[in-house]
Amino acid sequence: MIKLTIDRFEGSYAICESEDKSTISIPKYRLPLNCKEGDCLIQDDEGMYQMEAEATTIKEKRIRDKMSRLFE
């Protein structure tokens, strides 16, 4: 199972970062319609990607905590 995070969108592709910090370009049509930068994804057996809401929430909280400590 491949786990990715959407870094940014470029044209019709999403540029994603894998757990090993490598990047991969994925056509937008293979992603959920409501995905956005920062969302965590997993690839299913058919090569499509599903959002991992819980992983995204955890990552967002970790980033907010870091930003809060940085600007205190």
Protein backbone atom coordinates (compact mmCIF):
# COMPACT_ATOMS: atom_id res chain seq x y z
CA MET A 1 0.00 0.00 0.00
CA ILE A 2 1.42 3.35 -1.07
CA LYS A 3 0.88 6.33 1.25
CA LEU A 4 1.24 9.83 -0.19
CA THR A 5 0.67 13.47 0.73
CA ILE A 6 -0.43 16.01 -1.88
CA ASP A 7 2.24 18.72 -2.03
CA ARG A 8 0.80 20.85 -4.84
CA PHE A 9 -1.11 20.84 -8.11
CA GLU A 10 0.52 21.59 -11.46
CA GLY A 11 -1.83 21.67 -14.42
CA SER A 12 -3.67 18.36 -14.60
CA TYR A 13 -1.34 16.63 -12.12
CA ALA A 14 -1.00 16.44 -8.37
CA ILE A 15 2.60 16.40 -7.17
CA CYS A 16 2.70 14.07 -4.16
CA GLU A 17 5.36 13.13 -1.64
CA SER A 18 5.74 9.54 -0.51
CA GLU A 19 6.82 8.34 2.92
CA ASP A 20 10.42 8.06 1.72
CA LYS A 21 10.31 11.76 0.63
CA SER A 22 10.36 10.99 -3.09
CA THR A 23 7.86 12.76 -5.34
CA ILE A 24 5.39 11.35 -7.81
CA SER A 25 3.08 13.05 -10.34
CA ILE A 26 -0.46 11.67 -10.39
CA PRO A 27 -3.13 12.65 -12.91
CA LYS A 28 -5.97 14.47 -11.14
CA TYR A 29 -8.57 12.07 -12.57
CA ARG A 30 -7.15 9.32 -10.34
CA LEU A 31 -7.76 11.37 -7.17
CA PRO A 32 -10.92 12.04 -5.16
CA LEU A 33 -12.76 15.15 -6.40
CA ASN A 34 -12.57 17.06 -3.11
CA CYS A 35 -8.87 16.54 -2.34
CA LYS A 36 -6.57 19.49 -1.64
CA GLU A 37 -2.94 20.26 -0.87
CA GLY A 38 -1.83 18.58 2.35
CA ASP A 39 -4.30 15.68 2.12
CA CYS A 40 -3.01 12.18 2.81
CA LEU A 41 -3.82 9.47 0.28
CA ILE A 42 -3.51 5.73 -0.11
CA GLN A 43 -3.53 3.85 -3.40
CA ASP A 44 -6.11 1.10 -3.77
CA ASP A 45 -5.71 -2.18 -5.67
CA GLU A 46 -7.16 -0.62 -8.85
CA GLY A 47 -4.59 2.18 -8.95
CA MET A 48 -7.02 4.85 -7.75
CA TYR A 49 -6.36 6.95 -4.67
CA GLN A 50 -8.51 7.37 -1.58
CA MET A 51 -8.22 10.10 1.05
CA GLU A 52 -7.12 9.15 4.55
CA ALA A 53 -9.04 11.68 6.63
CA GLU A 54 -7.61 10.57 9.98
CA ALA A 55 -3.99 10.79 8.77
CA THR A 56 -4.68 14.23 7.27
CA THR A 57 -6.19 15.47 10.55
CA ILE A 58 -3.20 14.21 12.54
CA LYS A 59 -0.74 15.85 10.14
CA GLU A 60 -2.63 19.17 10.20
CA LYS A 61 -2.66 19.18 14.03
CA ARG A 62 1.08 18.45 14.16
CA ILE A 63 1.76 21.36 11.79
CA ARG A 64 -0.50 23.74 13.76
CA ASP A 65 1.30 22.78 16.98
CA LYS A 66 4.71 23.45 15.42
CA MET A 67 3.56 26.81 14.06
CA SER A 68 2.13 27.74 17.44
CA ARG A 69 5.41 26.97 19.22
CA LEU A 70 7.39 28.82 16.55
CA PHE A 71 5.40 32.04 16.85
CA GLU A 72 4.80 32.13 20.62
